[in-house]
N, C-alpha and C. Protein backbone atom coordinates (compact mmCIF):
# COMPACT_ATOMS: atom_id res chain seq x y z
N UNK A 1 -21.39 22.39 2.77
CA UNK A 1 -20.44 21.59 3.42
C UNK A 1 -19.59 22.33 4.58
N UNK A 2 -19.33 21.55 5.57
CA UNK A 2 -18.58 22.17 6.74
C UNK A 2 -17.09 22.41 6.14
N UNK A 3 -16.64 23.67 6.58
CA UNK A 3 -15.19 23.93 6.17
C UNK A 3 -14.33 23.24 7.29
N UNK A 4 -13.56 22.26 7.10
CA UNK A 4 -12.67 21.64 7.94
C UNK A 4 -11.57 22.57 8.26
N UNK A 5 -11.24 23.38 7.42
CA UNK A 5 -10.50 24.66 7.58
C UNK A 5 -9.15 24.61 8.07
N UNK A 6 -8.76 23.69 7.99
CA UNK A 6 -7.38 23.47 8.71
C UNK A 6 -7.49 22.46 9.73
N UNK A 7 -7.47 21.13 9.54
CA UNK A 7 -7.33 20.19 10.47
C UNK A 7 -6.01 20.41 11.23
N UNK A 8 -6.00 20.13 12.49
CA UNK A 8 -4.63 20.40 13.37
C UNK A 8 -3.64 19.48 12.59
N UNK A 9 -2.35 20.09 12.52
CA UNK A 9 -1.32 19.48 11.70
C UNK A 9 -0.04 19.55 12.71
N UNK A 10 0.70 18.37 12.82
CA UNK A 10 1.79 18.20 13.74
C UNK A 10 2.97 18.54 12.89
N UNK A 11 3.78 19.64 13.21
CA UNK A 11 4.89 20.01 12.50
C UNK A 11 6.08 19.30 12.87
N UNK A 12 7.25 19.52 12.19
CA UNK A 12 8.49 18.76 12.37
C UNK A 12 9.03 19.05 13.79
N UNK A 13 8.79 20.25 14.45
CA UNK A 13 9.26 20.46 15.88
C UNK A 13 8.22 19.93 16.80
N UNK A 14 7.20 19.21 16.41
CA UNK A 14 6.23 18.62 17.46
C UNK A 14 5.11 19.60 17.68
N UNK A 15 5.21 20.81 17.35
CA UNK A 15 4.12 21.97 17.67
C UNK A 15 2.84 21.50 16.90
N UNK A 16 1.60 21.83 17.38
CA UNK A 16 0.47 21.61 16.70
C UNK A 16 -0.24 22.99 16.53
N UNK A 17 -0.63 23.13 15.17
CA UNK A 17 -1.22 24.44 14.76
C UNK A 17 -1.99 24.31 13.66
N UNK A 18 -2.98 25.15 13.29
CA UNK A 18 -3.72 25.18 12.05
C UNK A 18 -2.83 25.65 10.90
N UNK A 19 -2.73 25.11 9.85
CA UNK A 19 -1.80 25.57 8.76
C UNK A 19 -2.55 26.86 8.21
N UNK A 20 -1.70 27.79 7.77
CA UNK A 20 -2.16 28.99 7.14
C UNK A 20 -2.96 28.59 5.84
N UNK A 21 -3.92 29.39 5.50
CA UNK A 21 -4.74 29.29 4.36
C UNK A 21 -3.92 29.95 3.16
N UNK A 22 -3.82 29.28 2.15
CA UNK A 22 -3.15 29.75 0.92
C UNK A 22 -4.17 29.73 -0.30
N UNK A 23 -4.30 30.84 -0.89
CA UNK A 23 -5.28 30.93 -1.98
C UNK A 23 -4.35 30.79 -3.27
N UNK A 24 -4.73 29.87 -4.05
CA UNK A 24 -4.00 29.63 -5.26
C UNK A 24 -4.70 30.29 -6.46
N UNK A 25 -4.07 31.28 -6.93
CA UNK A 25 -4.60 32.02 -8.17
C UNK A 25 -5.88 32.62 -7.84
N UNK A 26 -6.83 32.55 -8.86
CA UNK A 26 -8.08 33.18 -8.58
C UNK A 26 -9.15 32.08 -8.45
N UNK A 27 -8.75 30.84 -8.20
CA UNK A 27 -9.73 29.85 -7.97
C UNK A 27 -9.84 29.03 -9.40
N UNK A 28 -10.61 27.97 -9.36
CA UNK A 28 -10.94 27.32 -10.61
C UNK A 28 -12.36 27.19 -10.95
N UNK A 29 -12.61 27.14 -12.11
CA UNK A 29 -14.06 27.05 -12.62
C UNK A 29 -14.67 25.69 -12.38
N UNK A 30 -15.69 25.50 -11.61
CA UNK A 30 -16.45 24.29 -11.50
C UNK A 30 -17.53 24.26 -12.72
N UNK A 31 -18.41 23.28 -12.62
CA UNK A 31 -19.24 22.93 -13.60
C UNK A 31 -20.34 23.99 -13.64
N UNK A 32 -20.48 24.81 -12.74
CA UNK A 32 -21.56 25.72 -12.65
C UNK A 32 -21.00 27.26 -13.09
N UNK A 33 -19.63 27.23 -13.40
CA UNK A 33 -19.01 28.48 -13.86
C UNK A 33 -18.56 29.46 -12.77
N UNK A 34 -18.75 29.20 -11.62
CA UNK A 34 -18.19 29.90 -10.48
C UNK A 34 -16.80 29.63 -10.09
N UNK A 35 -16.17 30.61 -9.48
CA UNK A 35 -14.88 30.37 -8.90
C UNK A 35 -14.85 29.57 -7.60
N UNK A 36 -14.02 28.58 -7.65
CA UNK A 36 -13.73 27.72 -6.46
C UNK A 36 -12.34 28.11 -5.83
N UNK A 37 -12.40 28.63 -4.60
CA UNK A 37 -11.10 28.95 -3.99
C UNK A 37 -10.60 27.61 -3.33
N UNK A 38 -9.28 27.44 -3.49
CA UNK A 38 -8.50 26.30 -2.93
C UNK A 38 -7.72 26.79 -1.87
N UNK A 39 -7.97 26.34 -0.69
CA UNK A 39 -7.19 26.70 0.55
C UNK A 39 -6.05 25.71 0.67
N UNK A 40 -4.99 25.83 -0.13
CA UNK A 40 -3.92 24.99 -0.22
C UNK A 40 -2.88 25.17 1.11
N UNK A 41 -2.45 24.04 1.66
CA UNK A 41 -1.38 24.10 2.58
C UNK A 41 -0.76 22.77 2.54
N UNK A 42 0.61 22.74 2.99
CA UNK A 42 1.33 21.53 3.14
C UNK A 42 1.02 20.70 4.40
N UNK A 43 0.47 19.58 4.34
CA UNK A 43 0.10 18.89 5.41
C UNK A 43 1.11 18.30 6.22
N UNK A 44 1.03 18.33 7.55
CA UNK A 44 1.88 17.62 8.55
C UNK A 44 1.31 16.33 8.89
N UNK A 45 1.36 15.87 10.00
CA UNK A 45 0.52 14.76 10.55
C UNK A 45 -0.79 15.22 10.91
N UNK A 46 -1.89 14.66 10.18
CA UNK A 46 -3.13 15.29 10.25
C UNK A 46 -3.97 14.46 11.43
N UNK A 47 -4.77 15.19 11.97
CA UNK A 47 -5.71 14.76 12.95
C UNK A 47 -7.08 14.52 12.28
N UNK A 48 -7.61 13.28 12.38
CA UNK A 48 -8.72 12.90 11.51
C UNK A 48 -10.01 13.49 12.21
N UNK A 49 -10.74 14.30 11.62
CA UNK A 49 -12.09 14.71 12.28
C UNK A 49 -13.08 13.58 12.33
N UNK A 50 -14.03 13.65 13.28
CA UNK A 50 -14.97 12.58 13.49
C UNK A 50 -15.75 12.35 12.25
N UNK A 51 -16.21 13.37 11.54
CA UNK A 51 -17.07 13.22 10.36
C UNK A 51 -16.41 12.45 9.29
N UNK A 52 -15.02 12.58 9.24
CA UNK A 52 -14.28 11.73 8.21
C UNK A 52 -14.15 10.31 8.72
N UNK A 53 -13.79 10.11 9.93
CA UNK A 53 -13.62 8.81 10.47
C UNK A 53 -14.98 7.99 10.39
N UNK A 54 -16.08 8.58 10.50
CA UNK A 54 -17.44 7.95 10.36
C UNK A 54 -17.74 7.47 9.00
N UNK A 55 -17.06 8.16 7.95
CA UNK A 55 -17.64 7.79 6.54
C UNK A 55 -16.53 6.96 5.95
N UNK A 56 -15.30 7.13 6.16
CA UNK A 56 -14.21 6.41 5.47
C UNK A 56 -13.87 5.06 6.16
N UNK A 57 -14.10 3.98 5.59
CA UNK A 57 -13.83 2.69 6.30
C UNK A 57 -12.29 2.43 6.48
N UNK A 58 -11.99 1.79 7.51
CA UNK A 58 -10.72 1.33 7.88
C UNK A 58 -10.38 0.25 7.18
N UNK A 59 -9.45 0.30 6.32
CA UNK A 59 -9.04 -0.91 5.46
C UNK A 59 -8.27 -2.02 6.30
N UNK A 60 -7.70 -1.59 7.28
CA UNK A 60 -7.05 -2.65 8.12
C UNK A 60 -8.23 -3.49 8.84
N UNK A 61 -9.15 -2.71 9.49
CA UNK A 61 -10.28 -3.51 10.22
C UNK A 61 -11.01 -4.28 9.18
N UNK A 62 -11.24 -3.91 7.95
CA UNK A 62 -11.97 -4.67 6.89
C UNK A 62 -11.16 -5.88 6.69
N UNK A 63 -9.89 -5.81 6.32
CA UNK A 63 -9.13 -6.94 6.00
C UNK A 63 -8.99 -7.97 7.14
N UNK A 64 -8.92 -7.52 8.21
CA UNK A 64 -8.73 -8.43 9.44
C UNK A 64 -9.97 -9.22 9.63
N UNK A 65 -11.01 -8.50 9.55
CA UNK A 65 -12.39 -9.11 9.71
C UNK A 65 -12.66 -10.23 8.55
N UNK A 66 -12.32 -9.78 7.49
CA UNK A 66 -12.50 -10.84 6.18
C UNK A 66 -11.55 -11.93 6.45
N UNK A 67 -10.29 -11.73 6.49
CA UNK A 67 -9.30 -12.67 6.42
C UNK A 67 -9.23 -13.66 7.44
N UNK A 68 -9.69 -13.27 8.71
CA UNK A 68 -9.70 -14.27 9.84
C UNK A 68 -10.86 -14.94 10.29
N UNK A 69 -12.01 -14.73 9.33
CA UNK A 69 -13.20 -15.29 9.63
C UNK A 69 -13.29 -16.90 9.75
N UNK A 70 -12.50 -17.46 9.02
CA UNK A 70 -12.33 -18.99 9.01
C UNK A 70 -11.00 -19.47 9.56
N UNK A 71 -10.22 -18.62 10.21
CA UNK A 71 -8.84 -19.16 10.75
C UNK A 71 -9.01 -19.47 12.32
N UNK A 72 -8.22 -20.29 12.77
CA UNK A 72 -8.10 -20.47 14.21
C UNK A 72 -7.54 -19.31 14.95
N UNK A 73 -7.81 -19.16 16.26
CA UNK A 73 -7.44 -17.93 16.89
C UNK A 73 -6.07 -17.48 16.83
N UNK A 74 -5.16 -18.46 16.87
CA UNK A 74 -3.60 -18.08 16.86
C UNK A 74 -3.25 -17.51 15.42
N UNK A 75 -3.78 -18.10 14.51
CA UNK A 75 -3.45 -17.55 13.11
C UNK A 75 -4.20 -16.17 12.91
N UNK A 76 -5.41 -16.10 13.43
CA UNK A 76 -6.13 -14.72 13.35
C UNK A 76 -5.31 -13.61 14.08
N UNK A 77 -4.78 -13.93 15.25
CA UNK A 77 -4.01 -13.03 15.98
C UNK A 77 -2.69 -12.57 15.14
N UNK A 78 -2.13 -13.48 14.45
CA UNK A 78 -0.98 -13.31 13.67
C UNK A 78 -1.32 -12.18 12.57
N UNK A 79 -2.50 -12.32 11.94
CA UNK A 79 -2.80 -11.30 10.99
C UNK A 79 -3.07 -9.96 11.42
N UNK A 80 -3.77 -10.00 12.65
CA UNK A 80 -4.27 -8.84 13.28
C UNK A 80 -2.95 -7.93 13.69
N UNK A 81 -2.06 -8.65 14.25
CA UNK A 81 -0.78 -8.07 14.81
C UNK A 81 -0.07 -7.60 13.52
N UNK A 82 0.11 -8.25 12.47
CA UNK A 82 0.82 -7.77 11.28
C UNK A 82 0.18 -6.46 10.70
N UNK A 83 -1.14 -6.40 10.68
CA UNK A 83 -1.84 -5.25 10.26
C UNK A 83 -1.71 -4.12 11.12
N UNK A 84 -1.99 -4.35 12.47
CA UNK A 84 -1.94 -3.21 13.36
C UNK A 84 -0.53 -2.68 13.54
N UNK A 85 0.51 -3.54 13.45
CA UNK A 85 2.00 -3.10 13.59
C UNK A 85 2.39 -2.18 12.39
N UNK A 86 1.54 -2.13 11.39
CA UNK A 86 2.00 -1.25 10.35
C UNK A 86 1.13 0.09 10.30
N UNK A 87 0.33 0.28 11.16
CA UNK A 87 -0.47 1.60 11.29
C UNK A 87 0.44 2.74 11.57
N UNK A 88 0.07 3.79 11.14
CA UNK A 88 0.77 5.11 11.32
C UNK A 88 0.49 5.75 12.63
N UNK A 89 0.98 6.84 12.98
CA UNK A 89 0.81 7.69 14.12
C UNK A 89 -0.70 7.97 14.41
N UNK A 90 -1.41 8.27 13.36
CA UNK A 90 -2.83 8.63 13.48
C UNK A 90 -3.83 7.49 13.72
N UNK A 91 -3.23 6.21 13.62
CA UNK A 91 -4.04 5.05 13.95
C UNK A 91 -4.45 4.38 12.60
N UNK A 92 -4.37 5.02 11.43
CA UNK A 92 -4.79 4.47 10.19
C UNK A 92 -3.79 3.73 9.50
N UNK A 93 -4.25 3.07 8.37
CA UNK A 93 -3.33 2.13 7.59
C UNK A 93 -2.77 2.77 6.39
N UNK A 94 -1.47 3.05 6.33
CA UNK A 94 -0.90 3.66 5.16
C UNK A 94 -0.51 2.66 4.11
N UNK A 95 -0.81 2.83 2.94
CA UNK A 95 -0.49 1.85 1.83
C UNK A 95 0.95 1.67 1.59
N UNK A 96 1.81 2.57 1.92
CA UNK A 96 3.16 2.60 1.83
C UNK A 96 3.81 1.30 2.41
N UNK A 97 3.03 0.86 3.52
CA UNK A 97 3.55 -0.24 4.33
C UNK A 97 3.28 -1.65 3.56
N UNK A 98 2.63 -1.55 2.43
CA UNK A 98 2.46 -2.66 1.65
C UNK A 98 3.39 -2.77 0.40
N UNK A 99 4.29 -1.91 0.32
CA UNK A 99 5.02 -1.77 -0.77
C UNK A 99 6.08 -3.01 -1.08
N UNK A 100 6.38 -3.71 -0.19
CA UNK A 100 7.16 -4.91 -0.43
C UNK A 100 6.41 -6.15 -0.83
N UNK A 101 5.11 -6.11 -0.73
CA UNK A 101 4.39 -7.30 -0.91
C UNK A 101 3.88 -7.69 -2.29
N UNK A 102 3.76 -6.67 -3.15
CA UNK A 102 3.16 -6.86 -4.47
C UNK A 102 1.77 -7.33 -4.29
N UNK A 103 1.15 -7.70 -5.30
CA UNK A 103 -0.29 -8.07 -5.27
C UNK A 103 -0.67 -9.28 -6.00
N UNK A 104 0.30 -10.12 -6.18
CA UNK A 104 0.01 -11.37 -6.79
C UNK A 104 0.71 -12.51 -6.05
N UNK A 105 0.00 -13.66 -5.94
CA UNK A 105 0.62 -14.95 -5.28
C UNK A 105 0.42 -14.80 -3.71
N UNK A 106 0.79 -15.82 -3.12
CA UNK A 106 0.63 -15.88 -1.56
C UNK A 106 1.93 -16.17 -0.94
N UNK A 107 3.02 -16.20 -1.67
CA UNK A 107 4.22 -16.46 -1.05
C UNK A 107 4.72 -15.48 0.06
N UNK A 108 4.21 -14.30 -0.05
CA UNK A 108 4.58 -13.29 0.98
C UNK A 108 3.61 -13.20 2.25
N UNK A 109 2.78 -14.23 2.19
CA UNK A 109 1.82 -14.35 3.31
C UNK A 109 0.52 -13.52 2.96
N UNK A 110 -0.38 -13.57 3.96
CA UNK A 110 -1.87 -13.11 3.68
C UNK A 110 -1.85 -11.52 3.35
N UNK A 111 -0.84 -10.70 3.69
CA UNK A 111 -0.86 -9.33 3.44
C UNK A 111 -0.74 -9.08 1.92
N UNK A 112 -0.27 -9.97 1.21
CA UNK A 112 -0.25 -10.02 -0.32
C UNK A 112 -1.72 -9.70 -0.71
N UNK A 113 -2.66 -10.30 -0.04
CA UNK A 113 -4.19 -10.10 -0.46
C UNK A 113 -4.65 -8.73 -0.12
N UNK A 114 -4.07 -8.14 1.06
CA UNK A 114 -4.40 -6.83 1.41
C UNK A 114 -3.79 -5.86 0.35
N UNK A 115 -2.53 -6.19 -0.20
CA UNK A 115 -1.95 -5.26 -1.26
C UNK A 115 -2.91 -5.33 -2.55
N UNK A 116 -3.26 -6.65 -2.80
CA UNK A 116 -4.12 -6.68 -4.08
C UNK A 116 -5.55 -6.00 -3.80
N UNK A 117 -5.98 -6.09 -2.76
CA UNK A 117 -7.43 -5.49 -2.32
C UNK A 117 -7.40 -4.03 -2.51
N UNK A 118 -6.12 -3.33 -2.21
CA UNK A 118 -6.05 -1.93 -2.27
C UNK A 118 -5.42 -1.33 -3.45
N UNK A 119 -5.08 -2.21 -4.46
CA UNK A 119 -4.37 -1.76 -5.65
C UNK A 119 -5.13 -0.65 -6.39
N UNK A 120 -6.41 -0.63 -6.37
CA UNK A 120 -7.03 0.47 -7.16
C UNK A 120 -7.46 1.71 -6.23
N UNK A 121 -7.08 1.64 -4.92
CA UNK A 121 -7.39 2.66 -4.06
C UNK A 121 -6.98 4.08 -4.45
N UNK A 122 -5.55 4.07 -4.98
CA UNK A 122 -5.02 5.40 -5.36
C UNK A 122 -5.89 6.08 -6.50
N UNK A 123 -6.37 5.35 -7.46
CA UNK A 123 -7.11 5.84 -8.54
C UNK A 123 -8.46 6.31 -8.00
N UNK A 124 -9.13 5.57 -7.04
CA UNK A 124 -10.44 6.01 -6.50
C UNK A 124 -10.14 7.33 -5.70
N UNK A 125 -9.19 7.39 -4.83
CA UNK A 125 -8.96 8.60 -4.20
C UNK A 125 -8.68 9.79 -5.11
N UNK A 126 -7.80 9.66 -6.18
CA UNK A 126 -7.53 10.69 -7.03
C UNK A 126 -8.84 11.12 -7.73
N UNK A 127 -9.62 10.22 -8.18
CA UNK A 127 -10.74 10.55 -8.97
C UNK A 127 -11.80 11.38 -8.12
N UNK A 128 -11.92 10.92 -6.85
CA UNK A 128 -12.87 11.65 -5.93
C UNK A 128 -12.37 13.14 -5.52
N UNK A 129 -10.97 13.16 -5.32
CA UNK A 129 -10.47 14.37 -4.76
C UNK A 129 -10.40 15.54 -5.87
N UNK A 130 -10.44 15.11 -7.07
CA UNK A 130 -10.29 16.20 -8.16
C UNK A 130 -11.49 16.37 -9.06
N UNK A 131 -12.63 15.93 -8.48
CA UNK A 131 -13.88 16.17 -9.16
C UNK A 131 -14.04 17.77 -9.49
N UNK A 132 -14.37 17.95 -10.93
CA UNK A 132 -14.50 19.35 -11.42
C UNK A 132 -13.34 20.04 -11.45
N UNK A 133 -12.16 19.54 -11.15
CA UNK A 133 -10.87 20.26 -11.26
C UNK A 133 -10.15 19.89 -12.62
N UNK A 134 -9.32 20.89 -13.06
CA UNK A 134 -8.42 20.63 -14.18
C UNK A 134 -7.06 21.31 -14.07
N UNK A 135 -6.13 20.96 -14.90
CA UNK A 135 -4.84 21.54 -15.03
C UNK A 135 -3.96 21.52 -13.79
N UNK A 136 -3.31 22.48 -13.47
CA UNK A 136 -2.31 22.49 -12.34
C UNK A 136 -2.95 22.20 -10.90
N UNK A 137 -4.22 22.78 -10.83
CA UNK A 137 -4.85 22.56 -9.47
C UNK A 137 -5.12 21.07 -9.35
N UNK A 138 -5.50 20.34 -10.42
CA UNK A 138 -5.90 18.96 -10.36
C UNK A 138 -4.61 18.16 -9.98
N UNK A 139 -3.48 18.43 -10.76
CA UNK A 139 -2.26 17.61 -10.43
C UNK A 139 -1.76 17.90 -9.08
N UNK A 140 -1.82 19.17 -8.58
CA UNK A 140 -1.25 19.29 -7.23
C UNK A 140 -2.11 18.63 -6.15
N UNK A 141 -3.44 18.69 -6.28
CA UNK A 141 -4.34 17.99 -5.19
C UNK A 141 -4.14 16.45 -5.57
N UNK A 142 -4.12 15.90 -6.70
CA UNK A 142 -3.87 14.40 -6.88
C UNK A 142 -2.60 13.99 -6.22
N UNK A 143 -1.48 14.80 -6.45
CA UNK A 143 -0.21 14.38 -5.89
C UNK A 143 -0.33 14.40 -4.32
N UNK A 144 -0.75 15.34 -3.79
CA UNK A 144 -0.74 15.46 -2.26
C UNK A 144 -1.69 14.51 -1.58
N UNK A 145 -2.78 14.20 -2.27
CA UNK A 145 -3.79 13.17 -1.76
C UNK A 145 -3.15 11.82 -1.85
N UNK A 146 -2.55 11.49 -2.95
CA UNK A 146 -1.85 10.23 -3.11
C UNK A 146 -0.85 10.11 -2.05
N UNK A 147 -0.03 11.19 -1.92
CA UNK A 147 1.06 11.02 -0.85
C UNK A 147 0.54 10.71 0.53
N UNK A 148 -0.52 11.39 0.94
CA UNK A 148 -1.13 11.22 2.03
C UNK A 148 -1.71 9.78 2.30
N UNK A 149 -2.29 9.31 1.20
CA UNK A 149 -2.92 7.88 1.19
C UNK A 149 -1.80 7.02 1.61
N UNK A 150 -0.64 7.05 1.02
CA UNK A 150 0.50 6.19 1.25
C UNK A 150 1.20 6.46 2.54
N UNK A 151 1.19 7.55 2.95
CA UNK A 151 1.76 7.82 4.23
C UNK A 151 1.04 7.95 5.42
N UNK A 152 -0.18 8.28 5.41
CA UNK A 152 -0.99 8.53 6.55
C UNK A 152 -2.50 7.75 6.41
N UNK A 153 -2.82 7.21 5.33
CA UNK A 153 -4.02 6.40 5.17
C UNK A 153 -4.98 7.15 4.54
N UNK A 154 -6.13 6.48 4.28
CA UNK A 154 -7.37 6.86 3.40
C UNK A 154 -7.98 8.14 3.99
N UNK A 155 -8.21 8.13 5.41
CA UNK A 155 -8.82 9.17 6.09
C UNK A 155 -8.13 10.51 6.01
N UNK A 156 -6.68 10.39 6.12
CA UNK A 156 -5.97 11.56 6.04
C UNK A 156 -6.00 12.24 4.67
N UNK A 157 -6.07 11.44 3.56
CA UNK A 157 -5.99 12.06 2.35
C UNK A 157 -7.48 12.68 2.18
N UNK A 158 -8.61 12.13 2.70
CA UNK A 158 -9.89 12.70 2.59
C UNK A 158 -9.90 14.01 3.43
N UNK A 159 -9.32 14.00 4.62
CA UNK A 159 -9.31 15.24 5.45
C UNK A 159 -8.77 16.32 4.78
N UNK A 160 -7.54 16.16 4.17
CA UNK A 160 -6.82 17.27 3.56
C UNK A 160 -7.66 17.75 2.40
N UNK A 161 -8.15 16.83 1.55
CA UNK A 161 -9.01 17.34 0.33
C UNK A 161 -10.20 18.12 0.79
N UNK A 162 -10.84 17.62 1.83
CA UNK A 162 -12.05 18.47 2.24
C UNK A 162 -11.58 19.77 2.70
N UNK A 163 -10.48 20.01 3.37
CA UNK A 163 -9.98 21.18 3.79
C UNK A 163 -9.57 22.11 2.77
N UNK A 164 -8.85 21.65 1.93
CA UNK A 164 -8.45 22.64 0.77
C UNK A 164 -9.49 22.96 -0.28
N UNK A 165 -10.66 22.18 -0.27
CA UNK A 165 -11.81 22.40 -1.15
C UNK A 165 -13.00 22.59 -0.51
N UNK A 166 -13.06 23.62 0.44
CA UNK A 166 -14.25 23.66 1.31
C UNK A 166 -15.66 24.08 0.50
N UNK A 167 -15.34 24.64 -0.65
CA UNK A 167 -16.52 25.14 -1.49
C UNK A 167 -17.12 23.96 -2.41
N UNK A 168 -16.29 22.85 -2.51
CA UNK A 168 -16.77 21.67 -3.40
C UNK A 168 -17.72 20.73 -2.70
N UNK A 169 -18.66 20.19 -3.47
CA UNK A 169 -19.67 19.27 -2.95
C UNK A 169 -18.93 17.94 -3.07
N UNK A 170 -17.96 17.62 -2.12
CA UNK A 170 -17.33 16.39 -2.18
C UNK A 170 -18.05 15.55 -1.07
N UNK A 171 -18.47 14.48 -1.48
CA UNK A 171 -19.35 13.47 -0.64
C UNK A 171 -18.34 12.46 -0.09
N UNK A 172 -18.13 12.51 1.31
CA UNK A 172 -17.33 11.51 2.01
C UNK A 172 -17.97 10.06 1.95
N UNK A 173 -19.17 10.07 1.96
CA UNK A 173 -19.94 8.76 1.77
C UNK A 173 -19.78 8.19 0.44
N UNK A 174 -19.61 9.06 -0.57
CA UNK A 174 -19.32 8.49 -1.98
C UNK A 174 -17.97 7.78 -1.89
N UNK A 175 -17.02 8.53 -1.45
CA UNK A 175 -15.55 7.84 -1.29
C UNK A 175 -15.64 6.73 -0.63
N UNK A 176 -16.21 6.75 0.57
CA UNK A 176 -16.20 5.67 1.48
C UNK A 176 -16.91 4.30 0.79
N UNK A 177 -18.00 4.54 0.17
CA UNK A 177 -18.77 3.44 -0.50
C UNK A 177 -17.92 2.91 -1.66
N UNK A 178 -17.26 3.78 -2.48
CA UNK A 178 -16.53 3.39 -3.55
C UNK A 178 -15.32 2.45 -3.06
N UNK A 179 -14.63 2.92 -2.01
CA UNK A 179 -13.53 2.14 -1.46
C UNK A 179 -14.07 0.72 -0.89
N UNK A 180 -15.17 0.78 -0.31
CA UNK A 180 -15.69 -0.45 0.35
C UNK A 180 -16.15 -1.40 -0.80
N UNK A 181 -16.79 -1.04 -1.87
CA UNK A 181 -17.22 -1.84 -2.96
C UNK A 181 -15.96 -2.41 -3.73
N UNK A 182 -14.97 -1.58 -3.83
CA UNK A 182 -13.78 -2.16 -4.49
C UNK A 182 -13.06 -3.24 -3.61
N UNK A 183 -13.13 -3.17 -2.32
CA UNK A 183 -12.55 -4.20 -1.52
C UNK A 183 -13.47 -5.39 -1.60
N UNK A 184 -14.76 -5.27 -1.48
CA UNK A 184 -15.63 -6.44 -1.77
C UNK A 184 -15.37 -7.23 -2.92
N UNK A 185 -15.28 -6.43 -3.99
CA UNK A 185 -15.09 -7.05 -5.35
C UNK A 185 -13.82 -7.81 -5.43
N UNK A 186 -12.79 -7.28 -4.74
CA UNK A 186 -11.51 -7.91 -4.80
C UNK A 186 -11.47 -9.28 -3.94
N UNK A 187 -12.06 -9.27 -2.81
CA UNK A 187 -12.01 -10.44 -2.02
C UNK A 187 -12.99 -11.47 -2.45
N UNK A 188 -13.88 -11.02 -3.29
CA UNK A 188 -15.02 -11.95 -3.59
C UNK A 188 -14.38 -13.03 -4.65
N UNK A 189 -13.24 -12.85 -5.11
CA UNK A 189 -12.60 -13.86 -5.96
C UNK A 189 -11.67 -14.86 -5.14
N UNK A 190 -11.49 -14.60 -3.82
CA UNK A 190 -10.71 -15.43 -3.05
C UNK A 190 -11.54 -16.43 -2.16
N UNK A 191 -10.81 -17.49 -1.85
CA UNK A 191 -11.54 -18.36 -0.89
C UNK A 191 -10.83 -18.58 0.43
N UNK A 192 -11.59 -18.92 1.54
CA UNK A 192 -10.90 -19.02 2.83
C UNK A 192 -9.75 -19.73 2.80
N UNK A 193 -9.66 -20.85 1.99
CA UNK A 193 -8.34 -21.73 2.05
C UNK A 193 -7.27 -21.05 1.40
N UNK A 194 -7.52 -19.98 0.57
CA UNK A 194 -6.40 -19.18 -0.07
C UNK A 194 -5.63 -18.42 1.21
N UNK A 195 -6.35 -17.96 2.05
CA UNK A 195 -5.75 -17.25 3.20
C UNK A 195 -5.05 -18.20 4.13
N UNK A 196 -5.80 -19.24 4.45
CA UNK A 196 -5.17 -20.31 5.32
C UNK A 196 -3.83 -20.79 4.71
N UNK A 197 -3.70 -21.01 3.49
CA UNK A 197 -2.48 -21.46 2.66
C UNK A 197 -1.51 -20.41 2.87
N UNK A 198 -1.88 -19.09 2.61
CA UNK A 198 -0.93 -17.99 2.84
C UNK A 198 -0.37 -17.92 4.27
N UNK A 199 -1.09 -18.23 5.13
CA UNK A 199 -0.51 -18.08 6.59
C UNK A 199 0.31 -19.22 6.84
N UNK A 200 -0.02 -20.47 6.42
CA UNK A 200 1.03 -21.66 6.50
C UNK A 200 2.31 -21.25 5.85
N UNK A 201 2.34 -20.70 4.64
CA UNK A 201 3.57 -20.41 3.97
C UNK A 201 4.31 -19.23 4.88
N UNK A 202 3.60 -18.34 5.28
CA UNK A 202 4.12 -17.17 6.16
C UNK A 202 4.97 -17.88 7.31
N UNK A 203 4.53 -18.92 7.84
CA UNK A 203 5.13 -19.40 9.03
C UNK A 203 6.25 -20.49 8.90
N UNK A 204 6.54 -20.71 7.58
CA UNK A 204 7.60 -21.71 7.27
C UNK A 204 8.99 -21.08 7.43
């Protein structure tokens, strides 16, 4: 696997540099009994590498495509604007922006369905990011990956995990497919008229 080795990180003063590599302890044992070195660093605003962007689906794009398929153009533009207006600096969709919606009912508008669709995403990202890890290493990576998921989106979480675990055989396509299947399963229980009704309530 390619060592992303430090994606560019924007610091508080606006400068951009590669974070220093930090080795935690003597590594952690994987299933094959060898030491895995963790290159831990505190992430700033992460730049998403092309290989990550190619494999990790954009939840905002997926939701807009699904939710607007049967809507008139003016209502479709409303949803697209609401989703894109919540994107973070790196262009991806942070789950934190859905914190006020909850994931049940349509009274908060169609983004309620986006909140429902992504409800299991933190568990999926945590499980992927900590494959073969245990103890404090697992807890640290879970916490940071989850923080990035909510602050900078799915691709940022994956970027950081790949950078701190360059020796692990973490498949980006596995994570991307797992997220995509979860979203498909979630929206499969909804009907086009559910979204249309949510948009009408939104506009009252």
